[in-house]
Amino acid sequence: MNFADNTFIIVGGGIAGLCAAIGLQKLGLKTHVYESVAELKGIGAGFGLAANAMQALDHLGLKDEISQIGHYLGSYNVLDQKGNILVEPNTKSISKKYNQDNFAIHRADLHQFLLSKIPDNQVHLGKRATSFERLGEQVCVHFTDGSQAVGAALLIADGVHSLLRQQLIPASSPRYSGYTCWRATIDNSSIQLKKSTETWGAKGRFGMTPLVSNRVYWYACINSVQQNPTLKNWTTAELLNNFKEYHDPIPTILSETKDAELIWNDIIDIAPLQQLAFDNILLLGDAGHATTPNLGQGACQAIEDVAVLLDELKTASSIRQAFSRFEIRRMERVNYITNTSWQTGKIAQWETPFLIGMRNFIMKIMPNRLKQQQLNKLLSVDFMQINRNHES
């Protein structure tokens, strides 16, 4: 079916929303993006674009350019707090299968790039969506400023706190993981970090990865009650004291981070949903399957969503059919990732010395093929082929 006369409303100007706008535009479809913030610049943090995300970006025709603003990751190791290797995943074999590499990228860099691909008159800032209503075959979205937008289809891509998802599924409010997180991006000139690692220790986790332009992105996760007023006011001095017994260069990274560079927030997700498509309304990215960051798949799954959606729109006889088929292709995979990431985070955040010792011992002696199983299920499966030839 030709959807060219239909307008797609996209609520949310994050990675899912912007990628969707670019992809729909390439199919010749009318799109308008509505984003709540007044300036779209992306928070000052980094994240990974694993081989599966690069494959999805390849389908969107964006891989080559994004590769230029990302930092190539040749390896990623999980360490104990003394710096000993617990897990050394073989990401190269998976990269070879996909013919894609793994990258780390700064969120602001990716946002700027994606925005450059969308005409200014199709991105509307300062528009916080509060509710929607159906007007016959159309959908009308209402914003806090009293304005509204009407279209033939609504893509809800406004993240884990989406009010529109809450209207569709009232029980889908975010859940707290049990740990809170600090992040920052700093200069790499003196540290000279070359590899990406995550350290699991008794006082929390610490991850670090190099970025382009000689920068380092790091994050630290500590167990806590939700919205802890004490931790909310922690500075780099308190973080340094907490992680002072961890291996180099963790203390150095913290000592070189300015308090003003810290970003703090609790880690949350949404429990796996049973539905993503609601006739001509579709949940995309974190709005539909927000996950904890333990597998590094949040942004990756949002980009996968868009690649699969465009694949369905090319052949479906209606928007509803495309959205329904999308749900069939995506539901099992995104729920598996959400559940696995949740469980991984719990194990990684253990504090009891006996449990830590047992975990680390098992991880060290476990055969490589078993260590690799989770990564293979995550990355070796061609997500574009999952339930592709189905009936809906």
Protein backbone atom coordinates (compact mmCIF):
# COMPACT_ATOMS: atom_id res chain seq x y z
CA MET A 1 0.00 0.00 0.00
CA ASN A 2 1.15 3.56 -0.66
CA PHE A 3 1.24 5.50 2.60
CA ALA A 4 2.58 8.70 1.01
CA ASP A 5 -0.60 10.67 1.75
CA ASN A 6 -0.53 9.73 5.43
CA THR A 7 1.21 11.74 8.14
CA PHE A 8 3.19 9.85 10.78
CA ILE A 9 3.35 11.61 14.15
CA ILE A 10 6.49 10.75 16.12
CA VAL A 11 6.44 11.69 19.80
CA GLY A 12 9.99 11.80 21.13
CA GLY A 13 13.19 13.18 19.61
CA GLY A 14 15.59 10.60 21.00
CA ILE A 15 17.44 7.95 19.03
CA ALA A 16 14.31 5.92 18.24
CA GLY A 17 12.27 8.93 17.15
CA LEU A 18 14.97 10.54 15.02
CA CYS A 19 15.97 7.26 13.34
CA ALA A 20 12.31 6.59 12.60
CA ALA A 21 11.90 10.04 11.06
CA ILE A 22 14.92 9.51 8.83
CA GLY A 23 13.79 6.06 7.76
CA LEU A 24 10.20 7.08 7.05
CA GLN A 25 11.47 10.06 5.10
CA LYS A 26 13.52 7.70 2.90
CA LEU A 27 10.31 5.79 2.17
CA GLY A 28 8.73 9.04 0.99
CA LEU A 29 6.44 9.33 4.02
CA LYS A 30 5.37 12.53 5.78
CA THR A 31 6.69 12.73 9.32
CA HIS A 32 6.66 15.24 12.17
CA VAL A 33 8.72 14.80 15.34
CA TYR A 34 7.48 16.34 18.61
CA GLU A 35 10.00 16.60 21.44
CA SER A 36 9.44 17.97 24.96
CA VAL A 37 12.79 19.75 25.45
CA ALA A 38 13.39 23.21 24.06
CA GLU A 39 16.84 22.29 22.72
CA LEU A 40 17.72 18.84 21.42
CA LYS A 41 21.38 18.17 22.18
CA GLY A 42 21.62 14.80 23.97
CA ILE A 43 22.97 14.33 27.47
CA GLY A 44 26.71 14.30 28.00
CA ALA A 45 27.20 10.54 28.08
CA GLY A 46 28.38 7.75 25.85
CA PHE A 47 26.98 4.35 24.95
CA GLY A 48 27.75 1.37 22.77
CA LEU A 49 26.61 0.64 19.23
CA ALA A 50 27.14 -3.11 19.04
CA ALA A 51 27.38 -5.05 15.78
CA ASN A 52 23.61 -5.59 15.70
CA ALA A 53 23.00 -1.83 15.92
CA MET A 54 25.50 -1.20 13.14
CA GLN A 55 23.67 -3.79 11.01
CA ALA A 56 20.40 -1.93 11.65
CA LEU A 57 22.05 1.38 10.77
CA ASP A 58 23.27 -0.28 7.56
CA HIS A 59 19.62 -0.99 6.67
CA LEU A 60 18.86 2.70 7.31
CA GLY A 61 21.76 3.82 5.11
CA LEU A 62 23.48 5.55 8.04
CA LYS A 63 26.25 3.15 9.04
CA ASP A 64 29.17 4.62 7.11
CA GLU A 65 28.67 8.17 8.37
CA ILE A 66 28.03 7.12 11.97
CA SER A 67 31.15 4.95 11.92
CA GLN A 68 33.12 8.17 11.38
CA ILE A 69 31.88 9.74 14.63
CA GLY A 70 32.12 6.55 16.73
CA HIS A 71 35.14 4.98 18.42
CA TYR A 72 35.91 1.44 17.24
CA LEU A 73 35.80 -1.12 20.07
CA GLY A 74 37.99 -4.10 19.40
CA SER A 75 37.32 -5.73 22.77
CA TYR A 76 35.24 -5.45 25.92
CA ASN A 77 36.27 -7.18 29.17
CA VAL A 78 34.59 -7.69 32.54
CA LEU A 79 37.10 -7.39 35.41
CA ASP A 80 37.16 -7.88 39.17
CA GLN A 81 38.08 -4.90 41.34
CA LYS A 82 41.76 -5.85 41.26
CA GLY A 83 41.75 -5.76 37.45
CA ASN A 84 41.74 -9.52 36.78
CA ILE A 85 39.73 -10.62 33.74
CA LEU A 86 36.47 -12.43 34.55
CA VAL A 87 35.00 -12.48 31.03
CA GLU A 88 36.72 -11.71 27.72
CA PRO A 89 33.94 -11.96 25.09
CA ASN A 90 34.93 -12.85 21.55
CA THR A 91 33.16 -9.96 19.86
CA LYS A 92 35.34 -10.26 16.76
CA SER A 93 33.74 -13.53 15.63
CA ILE A 94 30.30 -11.95 15.82
CA SER A 95 31.51 -8.83 14.03
CA LYS A 96 32.86 -11.05 11.28
CA LYS A 97 29.51 -12.85 10.90
CA TYR A 98 27.59 -9.57 10.57
CA ASN A 99 30.45 -7.90 8.69
CA GLN A 100 29.94 -5.11 11.25
CA ASP A 101 32.11 -3.69 14.00
CA ASN A 102 31.33 -2.47 17.51
CA PHE A 103 31.54 1.22 18.35
CA ALA A 104 31.18 3.57 21.30
CA ILE A 105 29.68 6.98 20.63
CA HIS A 106 28.82 10.15 22.50
CA ARG A 107 25.06 10.63 22.70
CA ALA A 108 25.29 14.32 21.79
CA ASP A 109 27.35 13.51 18.68
CA LEU A 110 24.77 10.99 17.50
CA HIS A 111 21.86 13.36 18.19
CA GLN A 112 23.52 16.13 16.22
CA PHE A 113 24.17 13.81 13.29
CA LEU A 114 20.61 12.43 13.22
CA LEU A 115 19.09 15.91 13.47
CA SER A 116 21.14 17.02 10.47
CA LYS A 117 19.26 14.45 8.36
CA ILE A 118 15.78 15.82 9.15
CA PRO A 119 14.35 19.10 7.76
CA ASP A 120 13.98 21.73 10.50
CA ASN A 121 10.28 22.21 9.78
CA GLN A 122 9.63 18.56 10.68
CA VAL A 123 11.07 18.78 14.21
CA HIS A 124 8.96 20.60 16.80
CA LEU A 125 10.64 21.34 20.15
CA GLY A 126 9.08 22.29 23.48
CA LYS A 127 6.16 19.94 22.79
CA ARG A 128 5.46 17.62 25.72
CA ALA A 129 2.76 15.10 24.82
CA THR A 130 0.26 14.43 27.58
CA SER A 131 -2.48 12.33 25.95
CA PHE A 132 -3.99 11.14 22.68
CA GLU A 133 -7.47 10.43 21.34
CA ARG A 134 -8.75 8.64 18.29
CA LEU A 135 -10.64 10.65 15.68
CA GLY A 136 -12.06 7.98 13.40
CA GLU A 137 -9.12 6.60 11.45
CA GLN A 138 -6.83 9.39 12.71
CA VAL A 139 -4.97 9.92 15.99
CA CYS A 140 -4.85 13.28 17.76
CA VAL A 141 -2.03 14.02 20.22
CA HIS A 142 -2.42 16.75 22.85
CA PHE A 143 0.51 18.78 24.22
CA THR A 144 0.98 20.75 27.44
CA ASP A 145 0.97 24.07 25.58
CA GLY A 146 -2.60 23.41 24.41
CA SER A 147 -1.66 22.54 20.84
CA GLN A 148 -2.37 19.26 19.10
CA ALA A 149 -1.22 17.18 16.13
CA VAL A 150 -3.31 14.88 13.96
CA GLY A 151 -2.02 12.04 11.80
CA ALA A 152 -2.80 8.63 10.35
CA ALA A 153 -0.26 6.91 12.61
CA LEU A 154 1.38 7.59 15.97
CA LEU A 155 4.85 6.35 16.90
CA ILE A 156 5.37 6.70 20.65
CA ALA A 157 9.12 7.08 21.19
CA ASP A 158 9.33 9.39 24.19
CA GLY A 159 11.17 7.06 26.52
CA VAL A 160 10.67 5.17 29.76
CA HIS A 161 8.54 7.92 31.34
CA SER A 162 6.10 8.09 28.40
CA LEU A 163 2.69 9.42 29.42
CA LEU A 164 1.21 8.09 26.19
CA ARG A 165 2.34 4.55 27.02
CA GLN A 166 0.82 4.98 30.46
CA GLN A 167 -2.48 5.91 28.80
CA LEU A 168 -2.33 2.74 26.70
CA ILE A 169 -1.04 0.48 29.50
CA PRO A 170 -1.70 2.03 32.94
CA ALA A 171 0.29 -0.70 34.73
CA SER A 172 3.49 -0.03 32.77
CA SER A 173 5.10 2.49 35.13
CA PRO A 174 8.91 2.32 35.45
CA ARG A 175 10.48 -0.02 38.01
CA TYR A 176 13.63 0.69 40.02
CA SER A 177 16.55 -1.69 39.60
CA GLY A 178 18.02 -1.31 43.09
CA TYR A 179 21.09 0.67 42.04
CA THR A 180 21.88 4.24 41.09
CA CYS A 181 24.40 5.58 38.57
CA TRP A 182 26.84 8.43 37.96
CA ARG A 183 28.23 9.17 34.49
CA ALA A 184 30.63 11.63 32.93
CA THR A 185 32.67 12.29 29.81
CA ILE A 186 36.16 13.67 30.39
CA ASP A 187 39.43 14.32 28.56
CA ASN A 188 41.59 11.28 27.82
CA SER A 189 44.90 13.09 27.27
CA SER A 190 46.61 12.05 30.50
CA ILE A 191 44.70 8.78 31.10
CA GLN A 192 45.28 7.37 27.59
CA LEU A 193 42.56 4.75 27.95
CA LYS A 194 42.64 2.26 25.06
CA LYS A 195 40.20 -0.50 26.03
CA SER A 196 36.59 -0.69 27.12
CA THR A 197 36.02 -2.50 30.44
CA GLU A 198 33.50 -2.97 33.23
CA THR A 199 34.65 -3.76 36.76
CA TRP A 200 32.49 -5.73 39.22
CA GLY A 201 33.42 -5.17 42.86
CA ALA A 202 32.07 -5.16 46.41
CA LYS A 203 31.36 -1.43 46.37
CA GLY A 204 29.71 -1.28 42.98
CA ARG A 205 30.46 -1.40 39.29
CA PHE A 206 32.66 0.91 37.26
CA GLY A 207 32.70 1.01 33.46
CA MET A 208 34.88 3.02 31.09
CA THR A 209 35.34 3.33 27.36
CA PRO A 210 37.31 5.63 25.05
CA LEU A 211 35.44 7.91 22.65
CA VAL A 212 36.50 9.91 19.60
CA SER A 213 38.09 13.34 20.06
CA ASN A 214 40.31 11.92 22.83
CA ARG A 215 37.56 11.55 25.41
CA VAL A 216 36.66 8.94 28.04
CA TYR A 217 33.11 8.00 29.01
CA TRP A 218 32.73 6.37 32.42
CA TYR A 219 29.89 5.26 34.68
CA ALA A 220 29.61 3.98 38.25
CA CYS A 221 26.70 2.00 39.76
CA ILE A 222 26.08 1.62 43.51
CA ASN A 223 23.28 -0.21 45.33
CA SER A 224 20.87 2.15 47.06
CA VAL A 225 17.28 2.94 47.91
CA GLN A 226 15.48 4.86 45.18
CA GLN A 227 16.14 8.62 44.92
CA ASN A 228 18.63 8.50 47.79
CA PRO A 229 18.95 12.14 49.01
CA THR A 230 22.49 11.53 50.28
CA LEU A 231 23.83 10.00 47.08
CA LYS A 232 22.09 12.70 45.04
CA ASN A 233 24.54 15.19 46.54
CA TRP A 234 27.66 13.07 46.14
CA THR A 235 30.60 14.72 44.41
CA THR A 236 33.64 13.13 42.78
CA ALA A 237 35.32 13.17 46.22
CA GLU A 238 32.74 10.74 47.64
CA LEU A 239 32.91 8.58 44.52
CA LEU A 240 36.71 8.50 44.71
CA ASN A 241 36.53 7.45 48.36
CA ASN A 242 34.08 4.67 47.45
CA PHE A 243 36.20 3.29 44.59
CA LYS A 244 39.68 4.11 45.97
CA GLU A 245 40.63 0.41 46.32
CA TYR A 246 39.67 -0.43 42.73
CA HIS A 247 42.34 -1.01 40.06
CA ASP A 248 43.92 1.72 37.93
CA PRO A 249 42.90 3.89 36.19
CA ILE A 250 39.59 4.11 38.10
CA PRO A 251 40.87 6.38 40.90
CA THR A 252 42.66 8.54 38.33
CA ILE A 253 39.54 8.91 36.19
CA LEU A 254 37.50 9.99 39.20
CA SER A 255 40.15 12.43 40.40
CA GLU A 256 40.22 14.06 36.96
CA THR A 257 36.43 14.43 36.77
CA LYS A 258 34.96 17.78 37.75
CA ASP A 259 31.81 17.83 39.88
CA ALA A 260 30.03 19.83 37.18
CA GLU A 261 30.62 16.97 34.71
CA LEU A 262 28.69 14.43 36.80
CA ILE A 263 25.30 13.15 35.65
CA TRP A 264 23.34 11.20 38.26
CA ASN A 265 20.20 9.11 37.97
CA ASP A 266 18.63 5.92 39.28
CA ILE A 267 18.65 2.96 36.89
CA ILE A 268 15.12 1.99 35.86
CA ASP A 269 13.35 0.00 33.17
CA ILE A 270 9.82 -1.18 32.47
CA ALA A 271 8.74 -4.76 33.06
CA PRO A 272 8.32 -6.57 29.71
CA LEU A 273 5.04 -5.72 27.97
CA GLN A 274 2.74 -8.08 26.10
CA GLN A 275 1.83 -5.60 23.37
CA LEU A 276 3.61 -2.95 21.31
CA ALA A 277 1.08 -2.32 18.53
CA PHE A 278 -2.36 -0.78 19.13
CA ASP A 279 -3.95 -0.52 15.67
CA ASN A 280 -2.32 2.61 14.18
CA ILE A 281 -0.32 3.38 17.35
CA LEU A 282 3.10 1.80 17.97
CA LEU A 283 5.53 1.83 20.89
CA LEU A 284 9.19 2.23 19.84
CA GLY A 285 12.47 2.10 21.75
CA ASP A 286 12.46 2.81 25.48
CA ALA A 287 8.78 3.74 25.42
CA GLY A 288 8.01 0.12 24.57
CA HIS A 289 10.89 -1.85 26.08
CA ALA A 290 13.14 0.27 28.28
CA THR A 291 15.95 -1.92 29.59
CA THR A 292 18.65 -1.56 32.20
CA PRO A 293 22.02 -0.82 30.54
CA ASN A 294 23.74 -4.04 31.62
CA LEU A 295 23.86 -5.53 28.12
CA GLY A 296 24.50 -2.19 26.41
CA GLN A 297 21.42 -2.73 24.25
CA GLY A 298 19.04 0.17 24.96
CA ALA A 299 19.90 2.31 21.95
CA CYS A 300 20.75 -0.78 19.88
CA GLN A 301 17.24 -2.18 20.27
CA ALA A 302 15.67 1.18 19.40
CA ILE A 303 17.60 1.19 16.12
CA GLU A 304 16.65 -2.44 15.46
CA ASP A 305 13.01 -1.41 15.97
CA VAL A 306 13.24 1.16 13.21
CA ALA A 307 14.93 -1.22 10.75
CA VAL A 308 12.20 -3.84 11.28
CA LEU A 309 9.40 -1.26 11.09
CA LEU A 310 10.63 0.08 7.75
CA ASP A 311 10.96 -3.48 6.44
CA GLU A 312 7.28 -4.10 7.26
CA LEU A 313 6.04 -0.78 5.88
CA LYS A 314 7.55 -1.64 2.50
CA THR A 315 5.27 -4.66 2.03
CA ALA A 316 2.24 -4.25 4.33
CA SER A 317 -1.21 -3.51 2.92
CA SER A 318 -2.02 -1.11 5.78
CA ILE A 319 -0.38 0.75 8.64
CA ARG A 320 -2.17 -1.50 11.12
CA GLN A 321 -0.84 -4.60 9.41
CA ALA A 322 2.71 -3.21 9.42
CA PHE A 323 2.49 -2.39 13.13
CA SER A 324 1.00 -5.79 13.97
CA ARG A 325 3.72 -7.62 12.06
CA PHE A 326 6.36 -5.44 13.75
CA GLU A 327 5.08 -6.58 17.14
CA ILE A 328 5.30 -10.26 16.13
CA ARG A 329 8.90 -9.79 15.01
CA ARG A 330 10.08 -7.76 18.00
CA MET A 331 8.26 -8.90 21.14
CA GLU A 332 10.22 -12.03 22.06
CA ARG A 333 13.62 -10.46 21.40
CA VAL A 334 13.12 -7.21 23.32
CA ASN A 335 11.58 -9.04 26.28
CA TYR A 336 14.48 -11.50 26.37
CA ILE A 337 16.94 -8.60 26.44
CA THR A 338 15.03 -6.74 29.16
CA ASN A 339 14.83 -9.83 31.38
CA THR A 340 18.44 -10.90 30.80
CA SER A 341 19.76 -7.39 31.45
CA TRP A 342 17.73 -7.17 34.67
CA GLN A 343 19.13 -10.50 35.91
CA THR A 344 22.70 -9.61 34.88
CA GLY A 345 22.50 -6.35 36.82
CA LYS A 346 21.40 -8.15 39.98
CA ILE A 347 24.37 -10.54 39.81
CA ALA A 348 26.84 -7.78 38.90
CA GLN A 349 25.72 -5.70 41.89
CA TRP A 350 26.23 -8.42 44.53
CA GLU A 351 27.92 -7.06 47.66
CA THR A 352 28.22 -10.14 49.88
CA PRO A 353 31.88 -11.35 49.88
CA PHE A 354 30.88 -15.04 49.70
CA LEU A 355 28.59 -14.48 46.69
CA ILE A 356 31.18 -12.29 44.97
CA GLY A 357 33.88 -14.90 45.49
CA MET A 358 31.65 -17.68 44.18
CA ARG A 359 30.55 -15.60 41.17
CA ASN A 360 34.09 -14.57 40.24
CA PHE A 361 35.44 -18.13 40.63
CA ILE A 362 32.72 -19.57 38.41
CA MET A 363 33.21 -16.86 35.79
CA LYS A 364 36.96 -17.51 35.67
CA ILE A 365 36.73 -21.30 35.27
CA MET A 366 33.67 -21.40 33.03
CA PRO A 367 34.46 -22.70 29.50
CA ASN A 368 34.58 -19.96 26.90
CA ARG A 369 31.71 -21.49 24.90
CA LEU A 370 29.41 -21.09 27.93
CA LYS A 371 30.60 -17.54 28.56
CA GLN A 372 29.86 -16.78 24.94
CA GLN A 373 26.32 -18.24 24.93
CA GLN A 374 24.53 -15.10 26.09
CA LEU A 375 26.46 -12.89 23.69
CA ASN A 376 25.72 -15.27 20.82
CA LYS A 377 21.98 -15.24 21.53
CA LEU A 378 22.08 -11.48 21.72
CA LEU A 379 24.25 -10.69 18.71
CA SER A 380 24.64 -13.77 16.50
CA VAL A 381 20.93 -14.01 15.71
CA ASP A 382 19.98 -12.02 12.63
CA PHE A 383 17.22 -9.88 14.12
CA MET A 384 15.92 -8.97 10.65
CA GLN A 385 14.94 -12.61 10.05
CA ILE A 386 13.09 -13.29 13.34
CA ASN A 387 9.47 -14.19 12.46
CA ARG A 388 9.93 -12.38 9.16
CA ASN A 389 7.79 -14.70 7.04
CA HIS A 390 4.77 -14.75 9.28
CA GLU A 391 1.07 -14.38 8.88
CA SER A 392 -0.76 -11.69 10.84
